[in-house]
Amino acid sequence: MRRGCLSIGTISCDVCKRKIPYPERYVMVDEDAKGKEVEKGGKSVRYCIECAQKKGYAHYKEIKGEMMLTFLRESEAPPSTATPAPVGETPASVAEIPVPATETFAPTKGKVKGKGKEKE
């Protein structure tokens, strides 16, 4: 499993042994004994950005016109968002949420008693 992290300044890359300065990014990957990525149960290995790119764990991707560094696999898409309801329709999930009744207060005229002093 891949985990993108920010260095606190005391982290070193396990491959090139370079100290990763604060606030540079790095990736932790769970790997088996052969150096292959596994979802669970492997040894956590820290990679600086350069080593992660060489191993294929990091790449740059164009997002909204900017080049962004990502640790996601090329085939992974960002989490999908719900499709918005057409204009004029309320999604069923929102319609089922109970809305508490609200109280209305009429403005007061004249003197209002407060703590210590009266206000007009």
PDB file of N, CA and C in Angstrom:
ATOM      1  N   MET A   1       0.842  -1.155   0.000  1.00  0.00           N
ATOM      2  CA  MET A   1       0.000   0.000   0.000  1.00  0.00           C
ATOM      3  C   MET A   1       0.898   1.232   0.000  1.00  0.00           C
ATOM      4  N   ARG A   2       0.506   2.250  -0.748  1.00  0.00           N
ATOM      5  CA  ARG A   2       1.266   3.493  -0.823  1.00  0.00           C
ATOM      6  C   ARG A   2       0.653   4.537   0.098  1.00  0.00           C
ATOM      7  N   ARG A   3       1.529   5.286   0.760  1.00  0.00           N
ATOM      8  CA  ARG A   3       1.079   6.373   1.619  1.00  0.00           C
ATOM      9  C   ARG A   3       1.957   7.580   1.349  1.00  0.00           C
ATOM     10  N   GLY A   4       1.365   8.657   0.838  1.00  0.00           N
ATOM     11  CA  GLY A   4       2.093   9.897   0.611  1.00  0.00           C
ATOM     12  C   GLY A   4       2.247  10.631   1.936  1.00  0.00           C
ATOM     13  N   CYS A   5       3.447  11.122   2.224  1.00  0.00           N
ATOM     14  CA  CYS A   5       3.726  11.741   3.524  1.00  0.00           C
ATOM     15  C   CYS A   5       4.515  13.033   3.346  1.00  0.00           C
ATOM     16  N   LEU A   6       4.547  13.844   4.411  1.00  0.00           N
ATOM     17  CA  LEU A   6       5.399  15.026   4.485  1.00  0.00           C
ATOM     18  C   LEU A   6       6.468  14.774   5.530  1.00  0.00           C
ATOM     19  N   SER A   7       7.697  15.080   5.185  1.00  0.00           N
ATOM     20  CA  SER A   7       8.797  14.852   6.110  1.00  0.00           C
ATOM     21  C   SER A   7       8.768  15.874   7.243  1.00  0.00           C
ATOM     22  N   ILE A   8       9.156  15.425   8.427  1.00  0.00           N
ATOM     23  CA  ILE A   8       9.286  16.337   9.559  1.00  0.00           C
ATOM     24  C   ILE A   8      10.748  16.736   9.749  1.00  0.00           C
ATOM     25  N   GLY A   9      11.592  16.321   8.808  1.00  0.00           N
ATOM     26  CA  GLY A   9      12.997  16.696   8.830  1.00  0.00           C
ATOM     27  C   GLY A   9      13.931  15.635   9.373  1.00  0.00           C
ATOM     28  N   THR A  10      13.390  14.588   9.964  1.00  0.00           N
ATOM     29  CA  THR A  10      14.235  13.527  10.527  1.00  0.00           C
ATOM     30  C   THR A  10      14.136  12.231   9.731  1.00  0.00           C
ATOM     31  N   ILE A  11      13.482  12.277   8.585  1.00  0.00           N
ATOM     32  CA  ILE A  11      13.237  11.085   7.763  1.00  0.00           C
ATOM     33  C   ILE A  11      14.328  10.960   6.701  1.00  0.00           C
ATOM     34  N   SER A  12      14.768   9.737   6.424  1.00  0.00           N
ATOM     35  CA  SER A  12      15.741   9.468   5.368  1.00  0.00           C
ATOM     36  C   SER A  12      15.157   8.473   4.382  1.00  0.00           C
ATOM     37  N   CYS A  13      15.565   8.615   3.127  1.00  0.00           N
ATOM     38  CA  CYS A  13      15.159   7.671   2.091  1.00  0.00           C
ATOM     39  C   CYS A  13      15.865   6.351   2.361  1.00  0.00           C
ATOM     40  N   ASP A  14      15.126   5.253   2.322  1.00  0.00           N
ATOM     41  CA  ASP A  14      15.704   3.938   2.585  1.00  0.00           C
ATOM     42  C   ASP A  14      16.539   3.414   1.412  1.00  0.00           C
ATOM     43  N   VAL A  15      16.422   4.042   0.240  1.00  0.00           N
ATOM     44  CA  VAL A  15      17.158   3.586  -0.929  1.00  0.00           C
ATOM     45  C   VAL A  15      18.478   4.351  -1.081  1.00  0.00           C
ATOM     46  N   CYS A  16      18.398   5.690  -1.205  1.00  0.00           N
ATOM     47  CA  CYS A  16      19.607   6.492  -1.428  1.00  0.00           C
ATOM     48  C   CYS A  16      20.191   7.061  -0.133  1.00  0.00           C
ATOM     49  N   LYS A  17      19.497   6.851   0.981  1.00  0.00           N
ATOM     50  CA  LYS A  17      19.931   7.290   2.319  1.00  0.00           C
ATOM     51  C   LYS A  17      19.987   8.809   2.486  1.00  0.00           C
ATOM     52  N   ARG A  18      19.422   9.556   1.512  1.00  0.00           N
ATOM     53  CA  ARG A  18      19.385  11.013   1.598  1.00  0.00           C
ATOM     54  C   ARG A  18      18.390  11.435   2.664  1.00  0.00           C
ATOM     55  N   LYS A  19      18.751  12.445   3.470  1.00  0.00           N
ATOM     56  CA  LYS A  19      17.840  12.977   4.474  1.00  0.00           C
ATOM     57  C   LYS A  19      16.784  13.813   3.749  1.00  0.00           C
ATOM     58  N   ILE A  20      15.526  13.571   4.030  1.00  0.00           N
ATOM     59  CA  ILE A  20      14.427  14.281   3.379  1.00  0.00           C
ATOM     60  C   ILE A  20      14.069  15.476   4.258  1.00  0.00           C
ATOM     61  N   PRO A  21      14.340  16.711   3.784  1.00  0.00           N
ATOM     62  CA  PRO A  21      14.104  17.889   4.620  1.00  0.00           C
ATOM     63  C   PRO A  21      12.618  18.225   4.753  1.00  0.00           C
ATOM     64  N   TYR A  22      12.285  18.927   5.836  1.00  0.00           N
ATOM     65  CA  TYR A  22      10.923  19.426   6.030  1.00  0.00           C
ATOM     66  C   TYR A  22      10.691  20.498   5.001  1.00  0.00           C
ATOM     67  N   PRO A  23       9.574  20.626   4.364  1.00  0.00           N
ATOM     68  CA  PRO A  23       8.362  19.825   4.294  1.00  0.00           C
ATOM     69  C   PRO A  23       8.276  19.032   3.000  1.00  0.00           C
ATOM     70  N   GLU A  24       9.390  18.483   2.552  1.00  0.00           N
ATOM     71  CA  GLU A  24       9.403  17.716   1.303  1.00  0.00           C
ATOM     72  C   GLU A  24       8.557  16.460   1.429  1.00  0.00           C
ATOM     73  N   ARG A  25       7.956  16.081   0.318  1.00  0.00           N
ATOM     74  CA  ARG A  25       7.102  14.889   0.303  1.00  0.00           C
ATOM     75  C   ARG A  25       7.934  13.636   0.089  1.00  0.00           C
ATOM     76  N   TYR A  26       7.409  12.523   0.595  1.00  0.00           N
ATOM     77  CA  TYR A  26       7.995  11.204   0.341  1.00  0.00           C
ATOM     78  C   TYR A  26       6.863  10.195   0.360  1.00  0.00           C
ATOM     79  N   VAL A  27       7.141   8.972  -0.071  1.00  0.00           N
ATOM     80  CA  VAL A  27       6.109   7.937  -0.102  1.00  0.00           C
ATOM     81  C   VAL A  27       6.597   6.726   0.690  1.00  0.00           C
ATOM     82  N   MET A  28       5.682   6.148   1.469  1.00  0.00           N
ATOM     83  CA  MET A  28       5.964   4.884   2.166  1.00  0.00           C
ATOM     84  C   MET A  28       5.202   3.796   1.438  1.00  0.00           C
ATOM     85  N   VAL A  29       5.899   2.720   1.120  1.00  0.00           N
ATOM     86  CA  VAL A  29       5.301   1.625   0.364  1.00  0.00           C
ATOM     87  C   VAL A  29       5.530   0.328   1.125  1.00  0.00           C
ATOM     88  N   ASP A  30       4.479  -0.476   1.263  1.00  0.00           N
ATOM     89  CA  ASP A  30       4.614  -1.807   1.859  1.00  0.00           C
ATOM     90  C   ASP A  30       5.100  -2.751   0.759  1.00  0.00           C
ATOM     91  N   GLU A  31       6.256  -3.383   0.997  1.00  0.00           N
ATOM     92  CA  GLU A  31       6.840  -4.284   0.002  1.00  0.00           C
ATOM     93  C   GLU A  31       7.128  -5.641   0.609  1.00  0.00           C
ATOM     94  N   ASP A  32       7.107  -6.680  -0.244  1.00  0.00           N
ATOM     95  CA  ASP A  32       7.491  -8.015   0.213  1.00  0.00           C
ATOM     96  C   ASP A  32       9.019  -8.139   0.158  1.00  0.00           C
ATOM     97  N   ALA A  33       9.549  -9.319   0.438  1.00  0.00           N
ATOM     98  CA  ALA A  33      10.995  -9.536   0.482  1.00  0.00           C
ATOM     99  C   ALA A  33      11.667  -9.326  -0.880  1.00  0.00           C
ATOM    100  N   LYS A  34      10.898  -9.470  -1.964  1.00  0.00           N
ATOM    101  CA  LYS A  34      11.451  -9.300  -3.309  1.00  0.00           C
ATOM    102  C   LYS A  34      11.391  -7.862  -3.808  1.00  0.00           C
ATOM    103  N   GLY A  35      10.826  -6.960  -2.997  1.00  0.00           N
ATOM    104  CA  GLY A  35      10.723  -5.559  -3.396  1.00  0.00           C
ATOM    105  C   GLY A  35       9.482  -5.233  -4.193  1.00  0.00           C
ATOM    106  N   LYS A  36       8.511  -6.134  -4.191  1.00  0.00           N
ATOM    107  CA  LYS A  36       7.239  -5.897  -4.891  1.00  0.00           C
ATOM    108  C   LYS A  36       6.236  -5.287  -3.927  1.00  0.00           C
ATOM    109  N   GLU A  37       5.425  -4.372  -4.444  1.00  0.00           N
ATOM    110  CA  GLU A  37       4.412  -3.712  -3.617  1.00  0.00           C
ATOM    111  C   GLU A  37       3.319  -4.703  -3.210  1.00  0.00           C
ATOM    112  N   VAL A  38       2.936  -4.673  -1.917  1.00  0.00           N
ATOM    113  CA  VAL A  38       1.853  -5.515  -1.414  1.00  0.00           C
ATOM    114  C   VAL A  38       0.864  -4.627  -0.671  1.00  0.00           C
ATOM    115  N   GLU A  39      -0.375  -5.080  -0.578  1.00  0.00           N
ATOM    116  CA  GLU A  39      -1.400  -4.299   0.111  1.00  0.00           C
ATOM    117  C   GLU A  39      -1.229  -4.351   1.627  1.00  0.00           C
ATOM    118  N   LYS A  40      -0.926  -5.523   2.167  1.00  0.00           N
ATOM    119  CA  LYS A  40      -0.787  -5.673   3.623  1.00  0.00           C
ATOM    120  C   LYS A  40       0.333  -6.648   3.940  1.00  0.00           C
ATOM    121  N   GLY A  41       0.912  -6.464   5.127  1.00  0.00           N
ATOM    122  CA  GLY A  41       1.851  -7.447   5.624  1.00  0.00           C
ATOM    123  C   GLY A  41       3.285  -7.307   5.172  1.00  0.00           C
ATOM    124  N   GLY A  42       3.607  -6.299   4.385  1.00  0.00           N
ATOM    125  CA  GLY A  42       4.985  -6.149   3.937  1.00  0.00           C
ATOM    126  C   GLY A  42       5.768  -5.204   4.831  1.00  0.00           C
ATOM    127  N   LYS A  43       7.024  -5.026   4.467  1.00  0.00           N
ATOM    128  CA  LYS A  43       7.895  -4.111   5.181  1.00  0.00           C
ATOM    129  C   LYS A  43       7.675  -2.711   4.596  1.00  0.00           C
ATOM    130  N   SER A  44       7.525  -1.701   5.459  1.00  0.00           N
ATOM    131  CA  SER A  44       7.350  -0.322   4.993  1.00  0.00           C
ATOM    132  C   SER A  44       8.696   0.256   4.587  1.00  0.00           C
ATOM    133  N   VAL A  45       8.766   0.740   3.349  1.00  0.00           N
ATOM    134  CA  VAL A  45       9.991   1.322   2.814  1.00  0.00           C
ATOM    135  C   VAL A  45       9.703   2.773   2.445  1.00  0.00           C
ATOM    136  N   ARG A  46      10.603   3.695   2.852  1.00  0.00           N
ATOM    137  CA  ARG A  46      10.444   5.118   2.555  1.00  0.00           C
ATOM    138  C   ARG A  46      11.244   5.460   1.302  1.00  0.00           C
ATOM    139  N   TYR A  47      10.607   6.183   0.376  1.00  0.00           N
ATOM    140  CA  TYR A  47      11.254   6.616  -0.857  1.00  0.00           C
ATOM    141  C   TYR A  47      11.162   8.129  -0.979  1.00  0.00           C
ATOM    142  N   CYS A  48      12.303   8.791  -1.283  1.00  0.00           N
ATOM    143  CA  CYS A  48      12.245  10.209  -1.626  1.00  0.00           C
ATOM    144  C   CYS A  48      11.583  10.312  -3.005  1.00  0.00           C
ATOM    145  N   ILE A  49      11.282  11.505  -3.437  1.00  0.00           N
ATOM    146  CA  ILE A  49      10.573  11.680  -4.709  1.00  0.00           C
ATOM    147  C   ILE A  49      11.377  11.102  -5.878  1.00  0.00           C
ATOM    148  N   GLU A  50      12.696  11.359  -5.898  1.00  0.00           N
ATOM    149  CA  GLU A  50      13.515  10.884  -7.012  1.00  0.00           C
ATOM    150  C   GLU A  50      13.524   9.349  -7.082  1.00  0.00           C
ATOM    151  N   CYS A  51      13.732   8.695  -5.944  1.00  0.00           N
ATOM    152  CA  CYS A  51      13.754   7.224  -5.926  1.00  0.00           C
ATOM    153  C   CYS A  51      12.369   6.642  -6.231  1.00  0.00           C
ATOM    154  N   ALA A  52      11.322   7.314  -5.760  1.00  0.00           N
ATOM    155  CA  ALA A  52       9.958   6.856  -6.035  1.00  0.00           C
ATOM    156  C   ALA A  52       9.657   6.933  -7.529  1.00  0.00           C
ATOM    157  N   GLN A  53      10.142   7.999  -8.188  1.00  0.00           N
ATOM    158  CA  GLN A  53       9.938   8.103  -9.633  1.00  0.00           C
ATOM    159  C   GLN A  53      10.692   7.005 -10.374  1.00  0.00           C
ATOM    160  N   LYS A  54      11.911   6.709  -9.960  1.00  0.00           N
ATOM    161  CA  LYS A  54      12.692   5.648 -10.612  1.00  0.00           C
ATOM    162  C   LYS A  54      12.014   4.289 -10.471  1.00  0.00           C
ATOM    163  N   LYS A  55      11.398   4.056  -9.303  1.00  0.00           N
ATOM    164  CA  LYS A  55      10.735   2.774  -9.035  1.00  0.00           C
ATOM    165  C   LYS A  55       9.319   2.731  -9.636  1.00  0.00           C
ATOM    166  N   GLY A  56       8.795   3.888 -10.054  1.00  0.00           N
ATOM    167  CA  GLY A  56       7.459   3.944 -10.649  1.00  0.00           C
ATOM    168  C   GLY A  56       6.352   4.200  -9.642  1.00  0.00           C
ATOM    169  N   TYR A  57       6.716   4.600  -8.428  1.00  0.00           N
ATOM    170  CA  TYR A  57       5.714   4.871  -7.390  1.00  0.00           C
ATOM    171  C   TYR A  57       5.200   6.312  -7.421  1.00  0.00           C
ATOM    172  N   ALA A  58       5.873   7.189  -8.153  1.00  0.00           N
ATOM    173  CA  ALA A  58       5.463   8.590  -8.237  1.00  0.00           C
ATOM    174  C   ALA A  58       5.554   9.048  -9.685  1.00  0.00           C
ATOM    175  N   HIS A  59       4.671   9.951 -10.060  1.00  0.00           N
ATOM    176  CA  HIS A  59       4.712  10.532 -11.395  1.00  0.00           C
ATOM    177  C   HIS A  59       3.977  11.866 -11.374  1.00  0.00           C
ATOM    178  N   TYR A  60       4.236  12.664 -12.382  1.00  0.00           N
ATOM    179  CA  TYR A  60       3.559  13.939 -12.511  1.00  0.00           C
ATOM    180  C   TYR A  60       2.364  13.767 -13.428  1.00  0.00           C
ATOM    181  N   LYS A  61       1.261  14.434 -13.060  1.00  0.00           N
ATOM    182  CA  LYS A  61       0.023  14.328 -13.817  1.00  0.00           C
ATOM    183  C   LYS A  61      -0.561  15.729 -13.960  1.00  0.00           C
ATOM    184  N   GLU A  62      -1.127  16.028 -15.114  1.00  0.00           N
ATOM    185  CA  GLU A  62      -1.741  17.345 -15.300  1.00  0.00           C
ATOM    186  C   GLU A  62      -3.146  17.326 -14.717  1.00  0.00           C
ATOM    187  N   ILE A  63      -3.366  18.196 -13.736  1.00  0.00           N
ATOM    188  CA  ILE A  63      -4.666  18.318 -13.083  1.00  0.00           C
ATOM    189  C   ILE A  63      -5.050  19.782 -13.101  1.00  0.00           C
ATOM    190  N   LYS A  64      -6.158  20.092 -13.745  1.00  0.00           N
ATOM    191  CA  LYS A  64      -6.662  21.466 -13.855  1.00  0.00           C
ATOM    192  C   LYS A  64      -5.608  22.411 -14.411  1.00  0.00           C
ATOM    193  N   GLY A  65      -4.873  21.952 -15.404  1.00  0.00           N
ATOM    194  CA  GLY A  65      -3.891  22.785 -16.073  1.00  0.00           C
ATOM    195  C   GLY A  65      -2.559  22.906 -15.368  1.00  0.00           C
ATOM    196  N   GLU A  66      -2.374  22.246 -14.236  1.00  0.00           N
ATOM    197  CA  GLU A  66      -1.111  22.292 -13.503  1.00  0.00           C
ATOM    198  C   GLU A  66      -0.525  20.892 -13.395  1.00  0.00           C
ATOM    199  N   MET A  67       0.792  20.825 -13.396  1.00  0.00           N
ATOM    200  CA  MET A  67       1.469  19.543 -13.206  1.00  0.00           C
ATOM    201  C   MET A  67       1.570  19.269 -11.709  1.00  0.00           C
ATOM    202  N   MET A  68       0.987  18.155 -11.268  1.00  0.00           N
ATOM    203  CA  MET A  68       0.957  17.796  -9.852  1.00  0.00           C
ATOM    204  C   MET A  68       1.655  16.456  -9.667  1.00  0.00           C
ATOM    205  N   LEU A  69       2.435  16.353  -8.588  1.00  0.00           N
ATOM    206  CA  LEU A  69       3.071  15.086  -8.238  1.00  0.00           C
ATOM    207  C   LEU A  69       2.041  14.207  -7.547  1.00  0.00           C
ATOM    208  N   THR A  70       1.921  12.974  -7.986  1.00  0.00           N
ATOM    209  CA  THR A  70       0.969  12.058  -7.367  1.00  0.00           C
ATOM    210  C   THR A  70       1.640  10.710  -7.110  1.00  0.00           C
ATOM    211  N   PHE A  71       1.206  10.071  -6.045  1.00  0.00           N
ATOM    212  CA  PHE A  71       1.700   8.743  -5.713  1.00  0.00           C
ATOM    213  C   PHE A  71       0.669   7.681  -6.072  1.00  0.00           C
ATOM    214  N   LEU A  72      -0.442   8.062  -6.697  1.00  0.00           N
ATOM    215  CA  LEU A  72      -1.452   7.096  -7.128  1.00  0.00           C
ATOM    216  C   LEU A  72      -0.913   6.303  -8.309  1.00  0.00           C
ATOM    217  N   ARG A  73      -1.431   5.102  -8.478  1.00  0.00           N
ATOM    218  CA  ARG A  73      -1.074   4.311  -9.649  1.00  0.00           C
ATOM    219  C   ARG A  73      -1.670   4.998 -10.871  1.00  0.00           C
ATOM    220  N   GLU A  74      -1.047   4.825 -12.013  1.00  0.00           N
ATOM    221  CA  GLU A  74      -1.534   5.444 -13.247  1.00  0.00           C
ATOM    222  C   GLU A  74      -2.986   5.063 -13.530  1.00  0.00           C
ATOM    223  N   SER A  75      -3.352   3.820 -13.207  1.00  0.00           N
ATOM    224  CA  SER A  75      -4.693   3.336 -13.518  1.00  0.00           C
ATOM    225  C   SER A  75      -5.743   3.799 -12.515  1.00  0.00           C
ATOM    226  N   GLU A  76      -5.305   4.293 -11.338  1.00  0.00           N
ATOM    227  CA  GLU A  76      -6.270   4.716 -10.329  1.00  0.00           C
ATOM    228  C   GLU A  76      -6.827   6.090 -10.671  1.00  0.00           C
ATOM    229  N   ALA A  77      -8.110   6.214 -10.514  1.00  0.00           N
ATOM    230  CA  ALA A  77      -8.755   7.507 -10.721  1.00  0.00           C
ATOM    231  C   ALA A  77      -9.067   8.101  -9.361  1.00  0.00           C
ATOM    232  N   PRO A  78      -9.179   9.435  -9.287  1.00  0.00           N
ATOM    233  CA  PRO A  78      -9.574  10.011  -8.004  1.00  0.00           C
ATOM    234  C   PRO A  78     -10.947   9.490  -7.605  1.00  0.00           C
ATOM    235  N   PRO A  79     -11.261   9.518  -6.301  1.00  0.00           N
ATOM    236  CA  PRO A  79     -12.566   9.021  -5.874  1.00  0.00           C
ATOM    237  C   PRO A  79     -13.683   9.729  -6.616  1.00  0.00           C
ATOM    238  N   SER A  80     -14.656   8.944  -7.069  1.00  0.00           N
ATOM    239  CA  SER A  80     -15.746   9.550  -7.831  1.00  0.00           C
ATOM    240  C   SER A  80     -16.667  10.320  -6.898  1.00  0.00           C
ATOM    241  N   THR A  81     -17.225  11.371  -7.440  1.00  0.00           N
ATOM    242  CA  THR A  81     -18.183  12.159  -6.682  1.00  0.00           C
ATOM    243  C   THR A  81     -19.569  11.836  -7.194  1.00  0.00           C
ATOM    244  N   ALA A  82     -20.549  12.056  -6.361  1.00  0.00           N
ATOM    245  CA  ALA A  82     -21.932  11.766  -6.757  1.00  0.00           C
ATOM    246  C   ALA A  82     -22.343  12.690  -7.888  1.00  0.00           C
ATOM    247  N   THR A  83     -23.138  12.175  -8.807  1.00  0.00           N
ATOM    248  CA  THR A  83     -23.648  12.987  -9.894  1.00  0.00           C
ATOM    249  C   THR A  83     -24.679  13.951  -9.336  1.00  0.00           C
ATOM    250  N   PRO A  84     -24.548  15.244  -9.629  1.00  0.00           N
ATOM    251  CA  PRO A  84     -25.518  16.191  -9.086  1.00  0.00           C
ATOM    252  C   PRO A  84     -26.908  15.958  -9.667  1.00  0.00           C
ATOM    253  N   ALA A  85     -27.911  16.284  -8.875  1.00  0.00           N
ATOM    254  CA  ALA A  85     -29.294  16.118  -9.330  1.00  0.00           C
ATOM    255  C   ALA A  85     -29.600  17.180 -10.377  1.00  0.00           C
ATOM    256  N   PRO A  86     -30.467  16.858 -11.341  1.00  0.00           N
ATOM    257  CA  PRO A  86     -30.864  17.861 -12.328  1.00  0.00           C
ATOM    258  C   PRO A  86     -31.504  19.060 -11.636  1.00  0.00           C
ATOM    259  N   VAL A  87     -31.411  20.223 -12.272  1.00  0.00           N
ATOM    260  CA  VAL A  87     -31.959  21.447 -11.698  1.00  0.00           C
ATOM    261  C   VAL A  87     -33.453  21.272 -11.454  1.00  0.00           C
ATOM    262  N   GLY A  88     -33.910  21.669 -10.288  1.00  0.00           N
ATOM    263  CA  GLY A  88     -35.321  21.579  -9.948  1.00  0.00           C
ATOM    264  C   GLY A  88     -35.701  20.293  -9.239  1.00  0.00           C
ATOM    265  N   GLU A  89     -34.821  19.316  -9.211  1.00  0.00           N
ATOM    266  CA  GLU A  89     -35.096  18.055  -8.530  1.00  0.00           C
ATOM    267  C   GLU A  89     -34.251  17.954  -7.274  1.00  0.00           C
ATOM    268  N   THR A  90     -34.818  17.366  -6.243  1.00  0.00           N
ATOM    269  CA  THR A  90     -34.085  17.158  -5.007  1.00  0.00           C
ATOM    270  C   THR A  90     -33.632  15.715  -4.961  1.00  0.00           C
ATOM    271  N   PRO A  91     -32.336  15.486  -4.695  1.00  0.00           N
ATOM    272  CA  PRO A  91     -31.887  14.099  -4.594  1.00  0.00           C
ATOM    273  C   PRO A  91     -32.627  13.379  -3.471  1.00  0.00           C
ATOM    274  N   ALA A  92     -32.911  12.109  -3.657  1.00  0.00           N
ATOM    275  CA  ALA A  92     -33.669  11.351  -2.664  1.00  0.00           C
ATOM    276  C   ALA A  92     -32.969  11.346  -1.314  1.00  0.00           C
ATOM    277  N   SER A  93     -31.643  11.266  -1.304  1.00  0.00           N
ATOM    278  CA  SER A  93     -30.920  11.208  -0.038  1.00  0.00           C
ATOM    279  C   SER A  93     -31.084  12.495   0.771  1.00  0.00           C
ATOM    280  N   VAL A  94     -31.192  13.631   0.086  1.00  0.00           N
ATOM    281  CA  VAL A  94     -31.380  14.902   0.776  1.00  0.00           C
ATOM    282  C   VAL A  94     -32.834  15.053   1.216  1.00  0.00           C
ATOM    283  N   ALA A  95     -33.764  14.574   0.397  1.00  0.00           N
ATOM    284  CA  ALA A  95     -35.179  14.719   0.725  1.00  0.00           C
ATOM    285  C   ALA A  95     -35.554  13.936   1.976  1.00  0.00           C
ATOM    286  N   GLU A  96     -34.812  12.893   2.289  1.00  0.00           N
ATOM    287  CA  GLU A  96     -35.131  12.064   3.446  1.00  0.00           C
ATOM    288  C   GLU A  96     -34.574  12.613   4.756  1.00  0.00           C
ATOM    289  N   ILE A  97     -33.751  13.647   4.687  1.00  0.00           N
ATOM    290  CA  ILE A  97     -33.181  14.220   5.906  1.00  0.00           C
ATOM    291  C   ILE A  97     -34.230  15.083   6.590  1.00  0.00           C
ATOM    292  N   PRO A  98     -34.558  14.784   7.861  1.00  0.00           N
ATOM    293  CA  PRO A  98     -35.555  15.599   8.548  1.00  0.00           C
ATOM    294  C   PRO A  98     -34.991  16.987   8.861  1.00  0.00           C
ATOM    295  N   VAL A  99     -35.812  17.989   8.626  1.00  0.00           N
ATOM    296  CA  VAL A  99     -35.407  19.356   8.899  1.00  0.00           C
ATOM    297  C   VAL A  99     -36.139  19.811  10.151  1.00  0.00           C
ATOM    298  N   PRO A 100     -35.411  20.253  11.185  1.00  0.00           N
ATOM    299  CA  PRO A 100     -36.082  20.682  12.405  1.00  0.00           C
ATOM    300  C   PRO A 100     -36.876  21.959  12.178  1.00  0.00           C
ATOM    301  N   ALA A 101     -37.992  22.063  12.901  1.00  0.00           N
ATOM    302  CA  ALA A 101     -38.809  23.262  12.805  1.00  0.00           C
ATOM    303  C   ALA A 101     -38.031  24.425  13.411  1.00  0.00           C
ATOM    304  N   THR A 102     -38.197  25.598  12.832  1.00  0.00           N
ATOM    305  CA  THR A 102     -37.499  26.766  13.351  1.00  0.00           C
ATOM    306  C   THR A 102     -38.483  27.668  14.063  1.00  0.00           C
ATOM    307  N   GLU A 103     -38.002  28.357  15.051  1.00  0.00           N
ATOM    308  CA  GLU A 103     -38.833  29.316  15.777  1.00  0.00           C
ATOM    309  C   GLU A 103     -38.570  30.688  15.211  1.00  0.00           C
ATOM    310  N   THR A 104     -39.606  31.490  15.159  1.00  0.00           N
ATOM    311  CA  THR A 104     -39.432  32.861  14.699  1.00  0.00           C
ATOM    312  C   THR A 104     -39.646  33.782  15.883  1.00  0.00           C
ATOM    313  N   PHE A 105     -38.888  34.811  15.948  1.00  0.00           N
ATOM    314  CA  PHE A 105     -38.980  35.777  17.016  1.00  0.00           C
ATOM    315  C   PHE A 105     -39.319  37.128  16.413  1.00  0.00           C
ATOM    316  N   ALA A 106     -40.312  37.778  16.987  1.00  0.00           N
ATOM    317  CA  ALA A 106     -40.694  39.105  16.520  1.00  0.00           C
ATOM    318  C   ALA A 106     -39.759  40.120  17.164  1.00  0.00           C
ATOM    319  N   PRO A 107     -39.366  41.150  16.417  1.00  0.00           N
ATOM    320  CA  PRO A 107     -38.514  42.161  17.015  1.00  0.00           C
ATOM    321  C   PRO A 107     -39.272  42.900  18.119  1.00  0.00           C
ATOM    322  N   THR A 108     -38.548  43.267  19.137  1.00  0.00           N
ATOM    323  CA  THR A 108     -39.178  43.977  20.247  1.00  0.00           C
ATOM    324  C   THR A 108     -39.040  45.472  20.057  1.00  0.00           C
ATOM    325  N   LYS A 109     -40.039  46.188  20.553  1.00  0.00           N
ATOM    326  CA  LYS A 109     -40.004  47.647  20.466  1.00  0.00           C
ATOM    327  C   LYS A 109     -39.889  48.194  21.874  1.00  0.00           C
ATOM    328  N   GLY A 110     -39.231  49.309  21.979  1.00  0.00           N
ATOM    329  CA  GLY A 110     -39.119  49.926  23.287  1.00  0.00           C
ATOM    330  C   GLY A 110     -37.898  49.448  24.018  1.00  0.00           C
ATOM    331  N   LYS A 111     -38.001  49.447  25.331  1.00  0.00           N
ATOM    332  CA  LYS A 111     -36.871  49.089  26.162  1.00  0.00           C
ATOM    333  C   LYS A 111     -36.714  47.574  26.253  1.00  0.00           C
ATOM    334  N   VAL A 112     -35.446  47.121  26.154  1.00  0.00           N
ATOM    335  CA  VAL A 112     -35.135  45.710  26.276  1.00  0.00           C
ATOM    336  C   VAL A 112     -34.263  45.553  27.508  1.00  0.00           C
ATOM    337  N   LYS A 113     -34.686  44.680  28.398  1.00  0.00           N
ATOM    338  CA  LYS A 113     -33.912  44.465  29.610  1.00  0.00           C
ATOM    339  C   LYS A 113     -32.818  43.453  29.326  1.00  0.00           C
ATOM    340  N   GLY A 114     -31.604  43.823  29.689  1.00  0.00           N
ATOM    341  CA  GLY A 114     -30.476  42.937  29.522  1.00  0.00           C
ATOM    342  C   GLY A 114     -29.770  42.782  30.854  1.00  0.00           C
ATOM    343  N   LYS A 115     -28.582  42.298  30.811  1.00  0.00           N
ATOM    344  CA  LYS A 115     -27.823  42.139  32.046  1.00  0.00           C
ATOM    345  C   LYS A 115     -27.270  43.493  32.456  1.00  0.00           C
ATOM    346  N   GLY A 116     -27.775  44.029  33.497  1.00  0.00           N
ATOM    347  CA  GLY A 116     -27.231  45.243  34.085  1.00  0.00           C
ATOM    348  C   GLY A 116     -27.851  46.517  33.559  1.00  0.00           C
ATOM    349  N   LYS A 117     -28.011  46.703  32.268  1.00  0.00           N
ATOM    350  CA  LYS A 117     -28.491  47.976  31.729  1.00  0.00           C
ATOM    351  C   LYS A 117     -29.659  47.735  30.792  1.00  0.00           C
ATOM    352  N   GLU A 118     -30.494  48.742  30.686  1.00  0.00           N
ATOM    353  CA  GLU A 118     -31.588  48.682  29.731  1.00  0.00           C
ATOM    354  C   GLU A 118     -31.143  49.325  28.438  1.00  0.00           C
ATOM    355  N   LYS A 119     -31.564  48.767  27.338  1.00  0.00           N
ATOM    356  CA  LYS A 119     -31.188  49.314  26.014  1.00  0.00           C
ATOM    357  C   LYS A 119     -32.437  49.761  25.312  1.00  0.00           C
ATOM    358  N   GLU A 120     -32.305  50.757  24.466  1.00  0.00           N
ATOM    359  CA  GLU A 120     -33.457  51.231  23.732  1.00  0.00           C
ATOM    360  C   GLU A 120     -33.280  51.037  22.262  1.00  0.00           C
TER     361      GLU A 120
END
